[in-house]
N, C-alpha and C. Protein backbone atom coordinates (compact mmCIF):
# COMPACT_ATOMS: atom_id res chain seq x y z
N MET A 1 1.04 -1.11 0.27
CA MET A 1 -0.05 0.11 0.09
C MET A 1 1.10 1.59 0.03
N GLU A 2 0.48 2.26 -0.50
CA GLU A 2 1.27 3.64 -0.50
C GLU A 2 1.53 4.14 0.57
N GLY A 3 2.53 4.17 1.05
CA GLY A 3 3.30 5.34 2.11
C GLY A 3 3.74 4.25 2.89
N GLU A 4 3.57 2.82 3.13
CA GLU A 4 4.06 1.64 4.26
C GLU A 4 5.25 1.69 3.64
N ARG A 5 5.93 1.27 4.93
CA ARG A 5 7.64 0.76 5.13
C ARG A 5 7.50 -0.60 4.05
N VAL A 6 8.25 -0.85 3.47
CA VAL A 6 8.86 -2.20 2.66
C VAL A 6 10.16 -2.26 2.85
N THR A 7 10.65 -3.33 3.59
CA THR A 7 11.65 -4.19 3.46
C THR A 7 11.77 -5.48 3.04
N LEU A 8 13.52 -5.54 1.90
CA LEU A 8 13.08 -6.77 1.68
C LEU A 8 14.95 -7.43 2.05
N VAL A 9 15.04 -8.61 2.72
CA VAL A 9 16.61 -8.81 3.32
C VAL A 9 16.97 -9.69 2.07
N CYS A 10 18.25 -9.86 2.00
CA CYS A 10 19.41 -10.80 1.08
C CYS A 10 19.84 -11.28 1.96
N ALA A 11 20.28 -12.40 2.38
CA ALA A 11 21.41 -13.25 3.36
C ALA A 11 21.60 -14.08 2.96
N LEU A 12 22.86 -14.69 2.84
CA LEU A 12 23.32 -15.87 2.61
C LEU A 12 23.79 -16.96 3.77
N SER A 13 23.44 -17.81 4.19
CA SER A 13 23.59 -18.86 5.59
C SER A 13 25.38 -19.18 5.19
N SER A 14 26.03 -18.88 4.22
CA SER A 14 27.05 -19.67 4.26
C SER A 14 28.08 -19.20 3.06
N GLY A 15 29.20 -18.99 3.07
CA GLY A 15 30.06 -18.69 1.78
C GLY A 15 31.21 -18.78 2.16
N ASP A 16 32.43 -18.06 0.98
CA ASP A 16 33.31 -17.66 1.44
C ASP A 16 33.89 -16.35 1.40
N LEU A 17 34.21 -15.70 1.73
CA LEU A 17 34.36 -14.72 1.94
C LEU A 17 35.34 -13.93 0.88
N PRO A 18 35.60 -12.88 0.26
CA PRO A 18 35.00 -11.88 0.14
C PRO A 18 33.36 -12.22 -0.73
N VAL A 19 32.29 -11.84 -0.26
CA VAL A 19 30.94 -12.03 -1.32
C VAL A 19 30.79 -10.78 -1.00
N TYR A 20 30.25 -10.50 -2.25
CA TYR A 20 30.12 -8.86 -2.84
C TYR A 20 28.31 -9.23 -3.34
N LEU A 21 27.34 -8.76 -2.71
CA LEU A 21 26.00 -8.49 -2.30
C LEU A 21 25.36 -7.19 -2.91
N GLU A 22 24.15 -7.46 -4.02
CA GLU A 22 23.97 -6.25 -4.79
C GLU A 22 22.53 -6.17 -5.08
N TRP A 23 21.47 -5.36 -4.68
CA TRP A 23 20.39 -5.38 -5.01
C TRP A 23 20.01 -4.78 -6.20
N THR A 24 19.56 -4.89 -7.36
CA THR A 24 18.82 -3.93 -8.79
C THR A 24 17.26 -4.47 -8.77
N LYS A 25 16.80 -3.59 -9.59
CA LYS A 25 15.48 -3.37 -9.70
C LYS A 25 15.08 -3.27 -11.41
N ARG A 26 14.10 -3.82 -11.91
CA ARG A 26 13.73 -3.87 -13.00
C ARG A 26 11.90 -3.33 -13.11
N PRO A 27 11.64 -2.77 -14.14
CA PRO A 27 12.25 -1.85 -14.57
C PRO A 27 13.48 -1.30 -14.06
N ASN A 28 13.95 -0.21 -14.16
CA ASN A 28 15.05 0.48 -13.60
C ASN A 28 13.88 2.37 -13.41
N PHE A 29 14.38 2.53 -12.37
CA PHE A 29 13.52 3.73 -11.85
C PHE A 29 13.92 4.92 -13.29
N GLU A 30 12.54 5.78 -13.46
CA GLU A 30 13.37 6.51 -14.86
C GLU A 30 13.99 7.51 -14.34
N THR A 31 14.73 7.74 -15.50
CA THR A 31 15.72 8.88 -15.66
C THR A 31 15.43 9.97 -14.53
N ASN A 32 14.54 10.36 -15.43
CA ASN A 32 13.39 11.48 -15.86
C ASN A 32 12.58 11.89 -14.92
N HIS A 33 12.98 11.34 -13.58
CA HIS A 33 11.90 11.44 -12.52
C HIS A 33 12.87 11.62 -11.56
N GLN A 34 12.14 12.30 -10.33
CA GLN A 34 13.17 12.27 -9.12
C GLN A 34 13.31 10.21 -8.78
N VAL A 35 14.28 9.74 -8.34
CA VAL A 35 14.47 8.53 -7.68
C VAL A 35 13.68 8.15 -6.45
N PRO A 36 12.72 7.20 -6.40
CA PRO A 36 12.16 7.12 -5.09
C PRO A 36 13.25 6.90 -3.87
N ASP A 37 13.10 7.07 -2.80
CA ASP A 37 13.64 6.97 -1.37
C ASP A 37 13.91 5.79 -0.96
N PHE A 38 15.06 4.98 -1.30
CA PHE A 38 15.31 3.87 -0.40
C PHE A 38 16.62 3.74 -0.09
N SER A 39 16.86 2.92 0.78
CA SER A 39 18.14 2.66 1.48
C SER A 39 18.70 0.85 1.73
N VAL A 40 19.81 0.96 1.31
CA VAL A 40 20.54 -0.71 1.77
C VAL A 40 21.71 -0.63 2.81
N VAL A 41 21.46 -1.22 3.45
CA VAL A 41 22.27 -1.43 4.53
C VAL A 41 23.10 -2.27 4.84
N GLU A 42 24.04 -3.42 4.69
CA GLU A 42 24.94 -3.89 5.23
C GLU A 42 25.12 -3.94 6.77
N THR A 43 23.89 -5.38 6.82
CA THR A 43 24.64 -6.06 8.42
C THR A 43 25.30 -6.26 9.17
N ASP A 44 26.49 -7.57 7.91
CA ASP A 44 26.89 -8.06 8.23
C ASP A 44 27.50 -8.70 6.96
N PRO A 45 28.67 -9.62 6.78
CA PRO A 45 29.19 -9.43 5.25
C PRO A 45 28.42 -10.73 4.27
N PHE A 46 27.17 -11.28 4.82
CA PHE A 46 26.14 -12.16 4.51
C PHE A 46 25.29 -11.61 4.60
N THR A 47 24.74 -9.85 4.56
CA THR A 47 23.13 -9.62 4.81
C THR A 47 23.34 -8.33 4.35
N ARG A 48 22.38 -8.22 3.28
CA ARG A 48 21.72 -6.50 2.57
C ARG A 48 20.62 -6.57 3.02
N ILE A 49 19.88 -5.11 3.56
CA ILE A 49 18.58 -5.15 3.76
C ILE A 49 18.56 -3.80 3.03
N LEU A 50 17.03 -3.88 2.14
CA LEU A 50 16.66 -3.25 1.67
C LEU A 50 15.33 -1.93 1.74
N SER A 51 15.60 -1.04 2.10
CA SER A 51 14.33 -0.49 2.73
C SER A 51 13.75 0.29 1.99
N ILE A 52 12.74 0.99 2.09
CA ILE A 52 11.58 1.95 1.50
C ILE A 52 10.66 2.60 2.44
N ALA A 53 10.97 3.73 2.79
CA ALA A 53 10.52 4.10 3.80
C ALA A 53 9.02 4.61 3.97
N LYS A 54 8.67 5.17 3.10
CA LYS A 54 7.29 5.25 2.12
C LYS A 54 6.75 4.74 0.47
N ALA A 55 6.67 3.95 0.43
CA ALA A 55 6.06 3.40 -0.96
C ALA A 55 5.65 3.66 -1.76
N SER A 56 5.70 3.97 -2.73
CA SER A 56 5.14 4.56 -3.78
C SER A 56 5.31 3.72 -4.82
N GLN A 57 3.51 3.98 -6.00
CA GLN A 57 3.63 2.76 -7.06
C GLN A 57 4.87 2.73 -8.25
N ALA A 58 5.79 4.12 -8.17
CA ALA A 58 7.03 3.90 -8.79
C ALA A 58 8.30 2.85 -8.12
N HIS A 59 7.30 2.36 -6.64
CA HIS A 59 8.57 1.47 -6.48
C HIS A 59 8.38 -0.26 -6.87
N SER A 60 7.39 -0.32 -7.56
CA SER A 60 6.96 -1.59 -8.11
C SER A 60 7.75 -1.88 -9.29
N GLY A 61 7.96 -3.40 -8.97
CA GLY A 61 8.79 -4.05 -10.01
C GLY A 61 9.29 -5.06 -9.02
N LEU A 62 10.43 -5.59 -10.30
CA LEU A 62 11.25 -6.63 -9.70
C LEU A 62 12.41 -6.68 -9.08
N TYR A 63 12.99 -6.91 -8.06
CA TYR A 63 13.95 -7.00 -7.09
C TYR A 63 14.97 -7.72 -7.54
N ILE A 64 16.04 -7.67 -7.12
CA ILE A 64 16.82 -9.16 -7.52
C ILE A 64 18.15 -8.22 -6.88
N CYS A 65 18.19 -9.80 -5.69
CA CYS A 65 19.85 -9.71 -5.15
C CYS A 65 20.80 -10.71 -5.64
N GLU A 66 21.92 -10.07 -6.00
CA GLU A 66 22.73 -10.83 -6.35
C GLU A 66 23.78 -11.27 -5.83
N ALA A 67 23.97 -12.51 -5.44
CA ALA A 67 25.70 -12.84 -4.45
C ALA A 67 26.53 -13.13 -5.38
N LYS A 68 27.91 -12.70 -5.01
CA LYS A 68 28.90 -12.95 -6.44
C LYS A 68 30.10 -13.50 -4.97
N SER A 69 31.05 -14.49 -4.84
CA SER A 69 32.16 -14.63 -4.55
C SER A 69 32.90 -15.30 -5.78
N SER A 70 34.04 -15.79 -5.36
CA SER A 70 34.99 -15.70 -6.57
C SER A 70 35.12 -17.47 -6.64
N SER A 71 34.12 -18.19 -6.51
CA SER A 71 33.83 -19.05 -6.65
C SER A 71 31.89 -19.62 -6.77
N HIS A 72 31.27 -18.59 -6.36
CA HIS A 72 30.05 -18.94 -6.92
C HIS A 72 28.87 -17.92 -6.82
N ARG A 73 28.20 -17.73 -8.13
CA ARG A 73 27.53 -16.58 -8.19
C ARG A 73 25.79 -16.95 -8.21
N ILE A 74 24.82 -16.53 -7.26
CA ILE A 74 23.65 -17.13 -7.31
C ILE A 74 22.52 -15.89 -6.93
N SER A 75 21.41 -15.69 -7.73
CA SER A 75 20.61 -14.69 -7.17
C SER A 75 18.84 -14.91 -6.51
N SER A 76 18.38 -13.95 -6.04
CA SER A 76 17.18 -14.50 -5.26
C SER A 76 16.19 -13.21 -5.81
N GLN A 77 15.02 -13.64 -6.26
CA GLN A 77 14.08 -12.51 -7.13
C GLN A 77 12.47 -11.93 -6.04
N HIS A 78 12.45 -11.25 -6.40
CA HIS A 78 11.61 -10.28 -5.26
C HIS A 78 10.69 -9.73 -6.02
N ASN A 79 9.34 -10.19 -6.02
CA ASN A 79 8.73 -9.20 -6.84
C ASN A 79 7.40 -8.05 -6.32
N LEU A 80 7.73 -6.86 -6.15
CA LEU A 80 7.14 -5.80 -5.38
C LEU A 80 6.24 -5.78 -6.05
N THR A 81 4.54 -5.02 -5.69
CA THR A 81 3.32 -4.59 -5.86
C THR A 81 3.11 -3.34 -5.05
N VAL A 82 2.99 -2.35 -5.44
CA VAL A 82 2.83 -0.91 -4.04
C VAL A 82 1.26 -0.64 -4.87
N LEU A 83 0.45 -1.13 -3.91
CA LEU A 83 -1.10 -1.01 -4.31
C LEU A 83 -1.50 0.95 -4.16
N GLY A 84 -2.24 1.38 -4.50
CA GLY A 84 -2.58 2.80 -4.48
C GLY A 84 -3.44 3.02 -2.89
N LYS A 85 -3.27 3.70 -2.28
CA LYS A 85 -3.87 4.26 -1.30
C LYS A 85 -5.70 4.00 -1.22
N ARG A 86 -6.35 3.72 -0.27
CA ARG A 86 -7.54 3.64 0.10
C ARG A 86 -8.20 4.74 -0.33
N ASN A 87 -9.15 4.49 -0.75
CA ASN A 87 -10.41 5.64 -0.63
C ASN A 87 -11.18 5.77 0.46
N ASN A 88 -11.55 5.93 1.26
CA ASN A 88 -12.05 5.56 2.47
C ASN A 88 -13.25 7.16 2.47
N ASN A 89 -14.12 6.83 2.11
CA ASN A 89 -15.69 8.08 1.40
C ASN A 89 -16.27 7.65 2.85
């Protein structure tokens, strides 16, 4: 729902360090519009948390977390659909 907080977690249970974790979004945000506010926090070498403080419909899309190390490469996908605000008449 628009205006609500969204949190997506990308975590590995194990792996060889160094591990590189990256969040991407498809479709990408439009370059001619203001980029919606979100942050990515590294809580430890195996975890990245993507947070959206106030979700909007522009945040809808496919979020992909990709983990890379010298020996492995894996990814996880999360489809996010942000619904418009309810009209309480």
